[in-house]
C-alpha atoms as a PDB file:
ATOM      1  CA  UNK A   1       0.000   0.000   0.000  1.00  0.00           C
ATOM      2  CA  UNK A   2       2.820   2.432   0.795  1.00  0.00           C
ATOM      3  CA  UNK A   3       4.295   1.975  -2.708  1.00  0.00           C
ATOM      4  CA  UNK A   4       1.062   2.765  -4.560  1.00  0.00           C
ATOM      5  CA  UNK A   5       0.503   6.165  -2.923  1.00  0.00           C
ATOM      6  CA  UNK A   6       3.488   7.907  -4.597  1.00  0.00           C
ATOM      7  CA  UNK A   7       2.459   6.399  -7.938  1.00  0.00           C
ATOM      8  CA  UNK A   8      -1.081   7.731  -7.544  1.00  0.00           C
ATOM      9  CA  UNK A   9       0.268  11.174  -6.576  1.00  0.00           C
ATOM     10  CA  UNK A  10       2.489  11.208  -9.655  1.00  0.00           C
ATOM     11  CA  UNK A  11      -0.476  10.262 -11.853  1.00  0.00           C
ATOM     12  CA  UNK A  12      -2.576  13.077 -10.390  1.00  0.00           C
ATOM     13  CA  UNK A  13       0.228  15.596 -10.901  1.00  0.00           C
ATOM     14  CA  UNK A  14       0.745  14.521 -14.516  1.00  0.00           C
ATOM     15  CA  UNK A  15      -3.002  14.800 -15.080  1.00  0.00           C
ATOM     16  CA  UNK A  16      -3.022  18.342 -13.682  1.00  0.00           C
ATOM     17  CA  UNK A  17       0.006  19.284 -15.783  1.00  0.00           C
ATOM     18  CA  UNK A  18      -1.457  17.964 -19.052  1.00  0.00           C
ATOM     19  CA  UNK A  19      -3.559  21.076 -19.837  1.00  0.00           C
ATOM     20  CA  UNK A  20      -0.532  23.283 -19.132  1.00  0.00           C
ATOM     21  CA  UNK A  21       1.651  21.188 -21.457  1.00  0.00           C
ATOM     22  CA  UNK A  22      -0.968  21.283 -24.203  1.00  0.00           C
ATOM     23  CA  UNK A  23      -1.338  25.053 -23.793  1.00  0.00           C
ATOM     24  CA  UNK A  24       2.428  25.547 -24.084  1.00  0.00           C
ATOM     25  CA  UNK A  25       2.611  23.341 -27.181  1.00  0.00           C
ATOM     26  CA  UNK A  26      -0.300  25.248 -28.706  1.00  0.00           C
ATOM     27  CA  UNK A  27       1.345  28.619 -28.045  1.00  0.00           C
ATOM     28  CA  UNK A  28       4.620  27.417 -29.546  1.00  0.00           C
ATOM     29  CA  UNK A  29       2.830  26.237 -32.687  1.00  0.00           C
ATOM     30  CA  UNK A  30       0.977  29.548 -32.980  1.00  0.00           C
ATOM     31  CA  UNK A  31       4.209  31.519 -32.662  1.00  0.00           C
ATOM     32  CA  UNK A  32       5.962  29.325 -35.230  1.00  0.00           C
ATOM     33  CA  UNK A  33       2.972  29.624 -37.536  1.00  0.00           C
ATOM     34  CA  UNK A  34       3.086  33.437 -37.271  1.00  0.00           C
ATOM     35  CA  UNK A  35       6.787  33.675 -38.123  1.00  0.00           C
ATOM     36  CA  UNK A  36       6.765  30.892 -40.732  1.00  0.00           C
ATOM     37  CA  UNK A  37       3.415  31.233 -42.496  1.00  0.00           C
ATOM     38  CA  UNK A  38       2.403  29.310 -45.611  1.00  0.00           C
ATOM     39  CA  UNK A  39       0.258  31.010 -48.222  1.00  0.00           C
ATOM     40  CA  UNK A  40      -3.285  29.666 -48.439  1.00  0.00           C
ATOM     41  CA  UNK A  41      -3.977  28.165 -51.842  1.00  0.00           C
ATOM     42  CA  UNK A  42      -7.437  28.780 -53.313  1.00  0.00           C
ATOM     43  CA  UNK A  43      -9.676  25.719 -53.299  1.00  0.00           C
ATOM     44  CA  UNK A  44     -12.524  25.510 -55.797  1.00  0.00           C
ATOM     45  CA  UNK A  45     -15.306  22.958 -55.997  1.00  0.00           C
ATOM     46  CA  UNK A  46     -15.199  22.837 -59.785  1.00  0.00           C
ATOM     47  CA  UNK A  47     -12.274  21.334 -61.633  1.00  0.00           C
ATOM     48  CA  UNK A  48     -10.174  23.910 -63.479  1.00  0.00           C
ATOM     49  CA  UNK A  49     -10.133  23.700 -67.275  1.00  0.00           C
ATOM     50  CA  UNK A  50      -6.582  23.937 -68.601  1.00  0.00           C
ATOM     51  CA  UNK A  51      -7.242  23.851 -72.347  1.00  0.00           C
ATOM     52  CA  UNK A  52      -9.617  22.588 -75.030  1.00  0.00           C
ATOM     53  CA  UNK A  53      -8.966  19.869 -77.594  1.00  0.00           C
ATOM     54  CA  UNK A  54     -11.501  19.907 -80.409  1.00  0.00           C
ATOM     55  CA  UNK A  55     -13.970  21.670 -78.160  1.00  0.00           C
ATOM     56  CA  UNK A  56     -13.488  19.064 -75.411  1.00  0.00           C
ATOM     57  CA  UNK A  57     -12.392  20.604 -72.083  1.00  0.00           C
ATOM     58  CA  UNK A  58      -9.208  19.190 -70.559  1.00  0.00           C
ATOM     59  CA  UNK A  59      -9.328  19.785 -66.801  1.00  0.00           C
ATOM     60  CA  UNK A  60      -6.706  19.225 -64.123  1.00  0.00           C
ATOM     61  CA  UNK A  61      -8.708  16.305 -62.695  1.00  0.00           C
ATOM     62  CA  UNK A  62      -8.943  14.782 -66.192  1.00  0.00           C
ATOM     63  CA  UNK A  63      -5.153  14.790 -66.463  1.00  0.00           C
ATOM     64  CA  UNK A  64      -4.774  13.389 -62.951  1.00  0.00           C
ATOM     65  CA  UNK A  65      -7.309  10.660 -63.696  1.00  0.00           C
ATOM     66  CA  UNK A  66      -5.284   9.492 -66.685  1.00  0.00           C
ATOM     67  CA  UNK A  67      -2.125   9.607 -64.594  1.00  0.00           C
ATOM     68  CA  UNK A  68      -3.844   7.195 -62.188  1.00  0.00           C
ATOM     69  CA  UNK A  69      -4.618   4.837 -65.069  1.00  0.00           C
ATOM     70  CA  UNK A  70      -1.023   4.990 -66.325  1.00  0.00           C
ATOM     71  CA  UNK A  71       0.271   4.300 -62.790  1.00  0.00           C
ATOM     72  CA  UNK A  72      -1.876   1.160 -62.511  1.00  0.00           C
ATOM     73  CA  UNK A  73      -0.870  -0.031 -65.995  1.00  0.00           C
ATOM     74  CA  UNK A  74       2.832   0.444 -65.235  1.00  0.00           C
ATOM     75  CA  UNK A  75       2.661  -1.198 -61.781  1.00  0.00           C
ATOM     76  CA  UNK A  76       0.809  -4.304 -62.922  1.00  0.00           C
ATOM     77  CA  UNK A  77       2.801  -4.395 -66.159  1.00  0.00           C
ATOM     78  CA  UNK A  78       6.012  -4.563 -64.151  1.00  0.00           C
ATOM     79  CA  UNK A  79       4.469  -7.122 -61.782  1.00  0.00           C
ATOM     80  CA  UNK A  80       3.517  -9.487 -64.611  1.00  0.00           C
ATOM     81  CA  UNK A  81       6.444  -8.847 -66.959  1.00  0.00           C
ATOM     82  CA  UNK A  82       8.504 -11.814 -65.761  1.00  0.00           C
ATOM     83  CA  UNK A  83       6.312 -13.823 -63.433  1.00  0.00           C
ATOM     84  CA  UNK A  84       7.901 -16.445 -61.208  1.00  0.00           C
ATOM     85  CA  UNK A  85       6.460 -19.432 -59.394  1.00  0.00           C
ATOM     86  CA  UNK A  86       7.773 -18.007 -56.112  1.00  0.00           C
ATOM     87  CA  UNK A  87       6.886 -14.309 -56.350  1.00  0.00           C
ATOM     88  CA  UNK A  88       9.273 -11.622 -55.172  1.00  0.00           C
ATOM     89  CA  UNK A  89       9.344  -7.846 -55.193  1.00  0.00           C
ATOM     90  CA  UNK A  90       6.553  -6.065 -57.030  1.00  0.00           C
ATOM     91  CA  UNK A  91       5.024  -9.358 -58.219  1.00  0.00           C
ATOM     92  CA  UNK A  92       4.675 -10.433 -54.601  1.00  0.00           C
ATOM     93  CA  UNK A  93       3.040  -7.109 -53.706  1.00  0.00           C
ATOM     94  CA  UNK A  94       0.618  -7.303 -56.638  1.00  0.00           C
ATOM     95  CA  UNK A  95      -0.357 -10.900 -55.851  1.00  0.00           C
ATOM     96  CA  UNK A  96      -0.914 -10.012 -52.194  1.00  0.00           C
ATOM     97  CA  UNK A  97      -3.232  -7.157 -53.152  1.00  0.00           C
ATOM     98  CA  UNK A  98      -5.153  -9.252 -55.685  1.00  0.00           C
ATOM     99  CA  UNK A  99      -5.495 -12.214 -53.307  1.00  0.00           C
ATOM    100  CA  UNK A 100      -6.845  -9.902 -50.608  1.00  0.00           C
ATOM    101  CA  UNK A 101      -9.410  -8.433 -52.998  1.00  0.00           C
ATOM    102  CA  UNK A 102     -10.404 -11.915 -54.222  1.00  0.00           C
ATOM    103  CA  UNK A 103     -11.001 -13.029 -50.626  1.00  0.00           C
ATOM    104  CA  UNK A 104     -13.152  -9.941 -49.979  1.00  0.00           C
ATOM    105  CA  UNK A 105     -15.191 -10.554 -53.128  1.00  0.00           C
ATOM    106  CA  UNK A 106     -15.758 -14.222 -52.305  1.00  0.00           C
ATOM    107  CA  UNK A 107     -16.711 -13.450 -48.697  1.00  0.00           C
ATOM    108  CA  UNK A 108     -19.359 -10.973 -49.816  1.00  0.00           C
ATOM    109  CA  UNK A 109     -20.733 -12.619 -52.973  1.00  0.00           C
ATOM    110  CA  UNK A 110     -19.778 -16.267 -52.624  1.00  0.00           C
ATOM    111  CA  UNK A 111     -17.039 -18.048 -54.539  1.00  0.00           C
ATOM    112  CA  UNK A 112     -18.721 -18.291 -57.950  1.00  0.00           C
ATOM    113  CA  UNK A 113     -20.250 -14.811 -58.065  1.00  0.00           C
ATOM    114  CA  UNK A 114     -17.264 -13.290 -56.313  1.00  0.00           C
ATOM    115  CA  UNK A 115     -15.019 -14.393 -59.185  1.00  0.00           C
ATOM    116  CA  UNK A 116     -17.587 -13.144 -61.718  1.00  0.00           C
ATOM    117  CA  UNK A 117     -17.859  -9.674 -60.134  1.00  0.00           C
ATOM    118  CA  UNK A 118     -14.195  -9.445 -59.180  1.00  0.00           C
ATOM    119  CA  UNK A 119     -13.042  -7.445 -62.217  1.00  0.00           C
ATOM    120  CA  UNK A 120     -15.475  -4.591 -61.536  1.00  0.00           C
ATOM    121  CA  UNK A 121     -14.864  -4.672 -57.780  1.00  0.00           C
ATOM    122  CA  UNK A 122     -11.055  -4.687 -58.026  1.00  0.00           C
ATOM    123  CA  UNK A 123     -10.983  -2.031 -60.755  1.00  0.00           C
ATOM    124  CA  UNK A 124     -13.076   0.349 -58.662  1.00  0.00           C
ATOM    125  CA  UNK A 125     -11.060  -0.216 -55.480  1.00  0.00           C
ATOM    126  CA  UNK A 126      -7.626   0.127 -57.101  1.00  0.00           C
ATOM    127  CA  UNK A 127      -8.518   3.091 -59.306  1.00  0.00           C
ATOM    128  CA  UNK A 128     -10.244   5.012 -56.520  1.00  0.00           C
ATOM    129  CA  UNK A 129      -7.380   4.206 -54.142  1.00  0.00           C
ATOM    130  CA  UNK A 130      -4.751   5.623 -56.520  1.00  0.00           C
ATOM    131  CA  UNK A 131      -6.952   8.683 -57.117  1.00  0.00           C
ATOM    132  CA  UNK A 132      -7.386   9.245 -53.395  1.00  0.00           C
ATOM    133  CA  UNK A 133      -3.717   8.872 -52.511  1.00  0.00           C
ATOM    134  CA  UNK A 134      -2.677  11.052 -55.406  1.00  0.00           C
ATOM    135  CA  UNK A 135      -3.790  14.187 -53.549  1.00  0.00           C
ATOM    136  CA  UNK A 136      -0.979  13.563 -51.036  1.00  0.00           C
ATOM    137  CA  UNK A 137       1.807  13.771 -53.631  1.00  0.00           C
ATOM    138  CA  UNK A 138       3.953  16.896 -53.999  1.00  0.00           C
ATOM    139  CA  UNK A 139       2.321  19.093 -56.628  1.00  0.00           C
ATOM    140  CA  UNK A 140      -1.159  17.814 -55.771  1.00  0.00           C
ATOM    141  CA  UNK A 141      -1.204  18.750 -52.098  1.00  0.00           C
ATOM    142  CA  UNK A 142      -2.137  22.403 -51.629  1.00  0.00           C
ATOM    143  CA  UNK A 143      -2.073  22.876 -55.434  1.00  0.00           C
ATOM    144  CA  UNK A 144       1.619  23.811 -55.523  1.00  0.00           C
ATOM    145  CA  UNK A 145       2.123  23.492 -59.313  1.00  0.00           C
ATOM    146  CA  UNK A 146       0.315  26.048 -61.442  1.00  0.00           C
ATOM    147  CA  UNK A 147      -0.262  26.763 -65.107  1.00  0.00           C
ATOM    148  CA  UNK A 148      -0.214  30.474 -65.929  1.00  0.00           C
ATOM    149  CA  UNK A 149      -3.139  31.613 -68.082  1.00  0.00           C
ATOM    150  CA  UNK A 150      -2.932  35.370 -68.466  1.00  0.00           C
ATOM    151  CA  UNK A 151      -3.250  36.865 -65.016  1.00  0.00           C
ATOM    152  CA  UNK A 152      -4.725  33.653 -63.563  1.00  0.00           C
ATOM    153  CA  UNK A 153      -2.832  30.735 -62.050  1.00  0.00           C
ATOM    154  CA  UNK A 154      -4.606  27.406 -62.495  1.00  0.00           C
ATOM    155  CA  UNK A 155      -3.551  24.298 -60.532  1.00  0.00           C
ATOM    156  CA  UNK A 156      -2.071  21.804 -62.972  1.00  0.00           C
ATOM    157  CA  UNK A 157      -3.056  18.741 -60.918  1.00  0.00           C
ATOM    158  CA  UNK A 158      -5.906  17.884 -58.597  1.00  0.00           C
ATOM    159  CA  UNK A 159      -7.150  14.659 -57.068  1.00  0.00           C
ATOM    160  CA  UNK A 160      -9.756  13.165 -59.462  1.00  0.00           C
ATOM    161  CA  UNK A 161     -11.883  11.970 -56.538  1.00  0.00           C
ATOM    162  CA  UNK A 162     -12.367  15.613 -55.518  1.00  0.00           C
ATOM    163  CA  UNK A 163     -14.217  16.188 -58.818  1.00  0.00           C
ATOM    164  CA  UNK A 164     -17.931  15.370 -58.753  1.00  0.00           C
ATOM    165  CA  UNK A 165     -17.820  14.485 -62.472  1.00  0.00           C
ATOM    166  CA  UNK A 166     -15.529  11.511 -61.805  1.00  0.00           C
ATOM    167  CA  UNK A 167     -17.413  10.219 -58.768  1.00  0.00           C
ATOM    168  CA  UNK A 168     -20.696  10.544 -60.686  1.00  0.00           C
ATOM    169  CA  UNK A 169     -19.186   8.601 -63.589  1.00  0.00           C
ATOM    170  CA  UNK A 170     -18.058   5.817 -61.252  1.00  0.00           C
ATOM    171  CA  UNK A 171     -21.503   5.743 -59.610  1.00  0.00           C
ATOM    172  CA  UNK A 172     -23.249   5.463 -62.998  1.00  0.00           C
ATOM    173  CA  UNK A 173     -20.914   2.641 -64.080  1.00  0.00           C
ATOM    174  CA  UNK A 174     -21.535   0.771 -60.821  1.00  0.00           C
ATOM    175  CA  UNK A 175     -25.334   1.107 -60.966  1.00  0.00           C
ATOM    176  CA  UNK A 176     -25.478   0.207 -64.678  1.00  0.00           C
ATOM    177  CA  UNK A 177     -23.475  -2.960 -64.006  1.00  0.00           C
ATOM    178  CA  UNK A 178     -25.796  -3.780 -61.107  1.00  0.00           C
ATOM    179  CA  UNK A 179     -28.749  -3.686 -63.528  1.00  0.00           C
ATOM    180  CA  UNK A 180     -26.829  -5.676 -66.159  1.00  0.00           C
ATOM    181  CA  UNK A 181     -25.992  -8.525 -63.792  1.00  0.00           C
ATOM    182  CA  UNK A 182     -29.476  -8.424 -62.299  1.00  0.00           C
ATOM    183  CA  UNK A 183     -30.965  -9.025 -65.764  1.00  0.00           C
ATOM    184  CA  UNK A 184     -28.370 -11.715 -66.517  1.00  0.00           C
ATOM    185  CA  UNK A 185     -29.081 -13.712 -63.340  1.00  0.00           C
ATOM    186  CA  UNK A 186     -32.810 -13.128 -62.799  1.00  0.00           C
ATOM    187  CA  UNK A 187     -33.992 -12.503 -66.366  1.00  0.00           C
ATOM    188  CA  UNK A 188     -35.885  -9.549 -67.758  1.00  0.00           C
ATOM    189  CA  UNK A 189     -39.028 -10.597 -65.905  1.00  0.00           C
ATOM    190  CA  UNK A 190     -37.280 -10.862 -62.541  1.00  0.00           C
ATOM    191  CA  UNK A 191     -35.537  -7.520 -63.039  1.00  0.00           C
ATOM    192  CA  UNK A 192     -38.645  -5.656 -64.166  1.00  0.00           C
ATOM    193  CA  UNK A 193     -40.702  -7.348 -61.452  1.00  0.00           C
ATOM    194  CA  UNK A 194     -38.784  -5.410 -58.804  1.00  0.00           C
ATOM    195  CA  UNK A 195     -40.111  -2.136 -60.178  1.00  0.00           C
ATOM    196  CA  UNK A 196     -43.506  -3.151 -61.576  1.00  0.00           C
ATOM    197  CA  UNK A 197     -45.464  -5.559 -59.389  1.00  0.00           C
ATOM    198  CA  UNK A 198     -49.077  -5.603 -60.581  1.00  0.00           C
ATOM    199  CA  UNK A 199     -49.925  -8.743 -58.607  1.00  0.00           C
ATOM    200  CA  UNK A 200     -49.312  -6.980 -55.319  1.00  0.00           C
ATOM    201  CA  UNK A 201     -51.947  -4.336 -55.977  1.00  0.00           C
ATOM    202  CA  UNK A 202     -51.379  -0.811 -54.661  1.00  0.00           C
ATOM    203  CA  UNK A 203     -48.834  -2.037 -52.132  1.00  0.00           C
ATOM    204  CA  UNK A 204     -46.864  -3.836 -54.837  1.00  0.00           C
ATOM    205  CA  UNK A 205     -46.823  -0.713 -57.008  1.00  0.00           C
ATOM    206  CA  UNK A 206     -45.706   1.359 -54.030  1.00  0.00           C
ATOM    207  CA  UNK A 207     -42.882  -1.088 -53.229  1.00  0.00           C
ATOM    208  CA  UNK A 208     -41.807  -1.045 -56.881  1.00  0.00           C
ATOM    209  CA  UNK A 209     -41.694   2.756 -56.803  1.00  0.00           C
ATOM    210  CA  UNK A 210     -39.503   2.595 -53.698  1.00  0.00           C
ATOM    211  CA  UNK A 211     -37.180   0.179 -55.487  1.00  0.00           C
ATOM    212  CA  UNK A 212     -36.860   2.602 -58.408  1.00  0.00           C
ATOM    213  CA  UNK A 213     -36.144   5.502 -56.065  1.00  0.00           C
ATOM    214  CA  UNK A 214     -33.588   3.321 -54.268  1.00  0.00           C
ATOM    215  CA  UNK A 215     -31.680   2.679 -57.513  1.00  0.00           C
ATOM    216  CA  UNK A 216     -31.577   6.404 -58.279  1.00  0.00           C
ATOM    217  CA  UNK A 217     -30.526   7.158 -54.690  1.00  0.00           C
ATOM    218  CA  UNK A 218     -27.563   4.791 -55.095  1.00  0.00           C
ATOM    219  CA  UNK A 219     -26.137   7.061 -57.792  1.00  0.00           C
ATOM    220  CA  UNK A 220     -26.458  10.120 -55.555  1.00  0.00           C
ATOM    221  CA  UNK A 221     -25.131   8.311 -52.490  1.00  0.00           C
ATOM    222  CA  UNK A 222     -22.147   6.805 -54.320  1.00  0.00           C
ATOM    223  CA  UNK A 223     -21.060  10.012 -56.015  1.00  0.00           C
ATOM    224  CA  UNK A 224     -21.528  12.455 -53.145  1.00  0.00           C
ATOM    225  CA  UNK A 225     -20.039  10.192 -50.454  1.00  0.00           C
ATOM    226  CA  UNK A 226     -16.722   9.824 -52.241  1.00  0.00           C
ATOM    227  CA  UNK A 227     -16.685  13.413 -53.493  1.00  0.00           C
ATOM    228  CA  UNK A 228     -17.542  14.862 -50.067  1.00  0.00           C
ATOM    229  CA  UNK A 229     -14.872  12.942 -48.182  1.00  0.00           C
ATOM    230  CA  UNK A 230     -12.074  13.592 -50.658  1.00  0.00           C
ATOM    231  CA  UNK A 231     -12.976  17.219 -51.295  1.00  0.00           C
ATOM    232  CA  UNK A 232     -13.023  17.772 -47.526  1.00  0.00           C
ATOM    233  CA  UNK A 233      -9.534  16.260 -47.343  1.00  0.00           C
ATOM    234  CA  UNK A 234      -8.418  18.475 -50.218  1.00  0.00           C
ATOM    235  CA  UNK A 235      -9.645  21.559 -48.352  1.00  0.00           C
ATOM    236  CA  UNK A 236      -8.088  20.359 -45.097  1.00  0.00           C
ATOM    237  CA  UNK A 237      -4.656  19.901 -46.658  1.00  0.00           C
ATOM    238  CA  UNK A 238      -4.939  23.333 -48.254  1.00  0.00           C
ATOM    239  CA  UNK A 239      -6.061  25.211 -45.143  1.00  0.00           C
ATOM    240  CA  UNK A 240      -3.988  23.615 -42.372  1.00  0.00           C
ATOM    241  CA  UNK A 241      -0.559  24.644 -43.781  1.00  0.00           C
ATOM    242  CA  UNK A 242      -1.692  28.274 -43.767  1.00  0.00           C
ATOM    243  CA  UNK A 243      -2.350  28.070 -40.029  1.00  0.00           C
ATOM    244  CA  UNK A 244       0.502  25.957 -38.683  1.00  0.00           C
ATOM    245  CA  UNK A 245       3.957  24.791 -39.878  1.00  0.00           C
ATOM    246  CA  UNK A 246       4.188  21.951 -42.363  1.00  0.00           C
ATOM    247  CA  UNK A 247       5.446  19.511 -39.741  1.00  0.00           C
ATOM    248  CA  UNK A 248       2.044  19.698 -38.035  1.00  0.00           C
ATOM    249  CA  UNK A 249       0.351  18.734 -41.316  1.00  0.00           C
ATOM    250  CA  UNK A 250       1.980  15.286 -41.354  1.00  0.00           C
ATOM    251  CA  UNK A 251      -0.599  13.654 -39.004  1.00  0.00           C
ATOM    252  CA  UNK A 252      -3.392  14.989 -41.213  1.00  0.00           C
ATOM    253  CA  UNK A 253      -1.709  13.506 -44.274  1.00  0.00           C
ATOM    254  CA  UNK A 254      -1.497  10.194 -42.448  1.00  0.00           C
ATOM    255  CA  UNK A 255      -5.209  10.470 -41.718  1.00  0.00           C
ATOM    256  CA  UNK A 256      -5.899  11.113 -45.398  1.00  0.00           C
ATOM    257  CA  UNK A 257      -3.973   7.944 -46.312  1.00  0.00           C
ATOM    258  CA  UNK A 258      -6.336   5.972 -44.070  1.00  0.00           C
ATOM    259  CA  UNK A 259      -9.448   7.820 -45.311  1.00  0.00           C
ATOM    260  CA  UNK A 260      -8.435   7.257 -48.936  1.00  0.00           C
ATOM    261  CA  UNK A 261      -8.095   3.505 -48.354  1.00  0.00           C
ATOM    262  CA  UNK A 262     -11.401   3.242 -46.464  1.00  0.00           C
ATOM    263  CA  UNK A 263     -13.320   5.227 -49.083  1.00  0.00           C
ATOM    264  CA  UNK A 264     -11.971   3.053 -51.901  1.00  0.00           C
ATOM    265  CA  UNK A 265     -12.968  -0.122 -50.043  1.00  0.00           C
ATOM    266  CA  UNK A 266     -16.386   1.286 -49.126  1.00  0.00           C
ATOM    267  CA  UNK A 267     -17.147   2.211 -52.740  1.00  0.00           C
ATOM    268  CA  UNK A 268     -16.053  -1.202 -54.029  1.00  0.00           C
ATOM    269  CA  UNK A 269     -17.740  -3.236 -51.294  1.00  0.00           C
ATOM    270  CA  UNK A 270     -21.037  -1.364 -51.610  1.00  0.00           C
ATOM    271  CA  UNK A 271     -20.991  -2.007 -55.357  1.00  0.00           C
ATOM    272  CA  UNK A 272     -20.291  -5.678 -54.697  1.00  0.00           C
ATOM    273  CA  UNK A 273     -23.064  -5.899 -52.092  1.00  0.00           C
ATOM    274  CA  UNK A 274     -25.618  -4.222 -54.378  1.00  0.00           C
ATOM    275  CA  UNK A 275     -24.702  -6.530 -57.276  1.00  0.00           C
ATOM    276  CA  UNK A 276     -24.970  -9.588 -55.044  1.00  0.00           C
ATOM    277  CA  UNK A 277     -28.407  -8.598 -53.725  1.00  0.00           C
ATOM    278  CA  UNK A 278     -29.633  -7.732 -57.228  1.00  0.00           C
ATOM    279  CA  UNK A 279     -28.653 -11.135 -58.640  1.00  0.00           C
ATOM    280  CA  UNK A 280     -30.382 -13.252 -56.005  1.00  0.00           C
ATOM    281  CA  UNK A 281     -33.378 -14.998 -57.514  1.00  0.00           C
ATOM    282  CA  UNK A 282     -36.108 -15.309 -54.884  1.00  0.00           C
ATOM    283  CA  UNK A 283     -37.148 -18.588 -56.429  1.00  0.00           C
ATOM    284  CA  UNK A 284     -33.614 -20.036 -55.974  1.00  0.00           C
ATOM    285  CA  UNK A 285     -32.490 -18.434 -52.775  1.00  0.00           C
ATOM    286  CA  UNK A 286     -29.484 -20.514 -51.888  1.00  0.00           C
ATOM    287  CA  UNK A 287     -28.188 -21.491 -55.306  1.00  0.00           C
ATOM    288  CA  UNK A 288     -25.530 -18.807 -55.511  1.00  0.00           C
ATOM    289  CA  UNK A 289     -23.309 -20.564 -52.992  1.00  0.00           C
ATOM    290  CA  UNK A 290     -23.743 -24.047 -54.454  1.00  0.00           C
ATOM    291  CA  UNK A 291     -20.346 -23.892 -56.105  1.00  0.00           C
END
């Protein structure tokens, strides 16, 4: 008992000193931020158009989106260039990622359907992940590389996921593929029966209307969820350096790495879950796991 009293006193003293320590750290950061400020870069909701090619606008997110595609092509091209039975290096990394995504797909959709839907699921996850992490690269973060157009400076790069056009495109692709696989597995009658149920009377028509609204809501939910989270991160990484030194921004960048991964997985897994539910035939409830 006599040994625990000093330990408890020390704990109480450290608890009382914690607010003082935090206040001192805060004051130091404020002082450093005043003497070493970072200019606040303008953040716009719309993507900035850099030029036009045949009347088609080329925006900074358009360029960044194609960079993401090139990055994936190069990485998996290098991983499969000289494949070995015992993988090493980048082949080992690529196989680990693919095996993890295959396991996720099979756990959600079953082995047979998981393999069938894997291409869409993996493409969404990997592409969105590269897009999300791209905003953390030098030149993307805080829009530090500009293209001069007259008196205006336009950011040359921007994370594609922070552009509503890209997230809306991904949402449309996901929902269209949900309808495609629903028709393939349940037939035209089974697919249309979800939206038009004359046998159920007024209640059946009402339920069908709710199903139609639900499909439209998926597009809105998909696109705005990803856009909102990544645009918020874009704004955060632009504003924080103007308030505090860059060293303090590092934890926020680490948080954005985690958020980017979670958002990519959420988008892919929701797509996979919607496809799986849409392809279940109510007349053959358990057949999808037969293989």
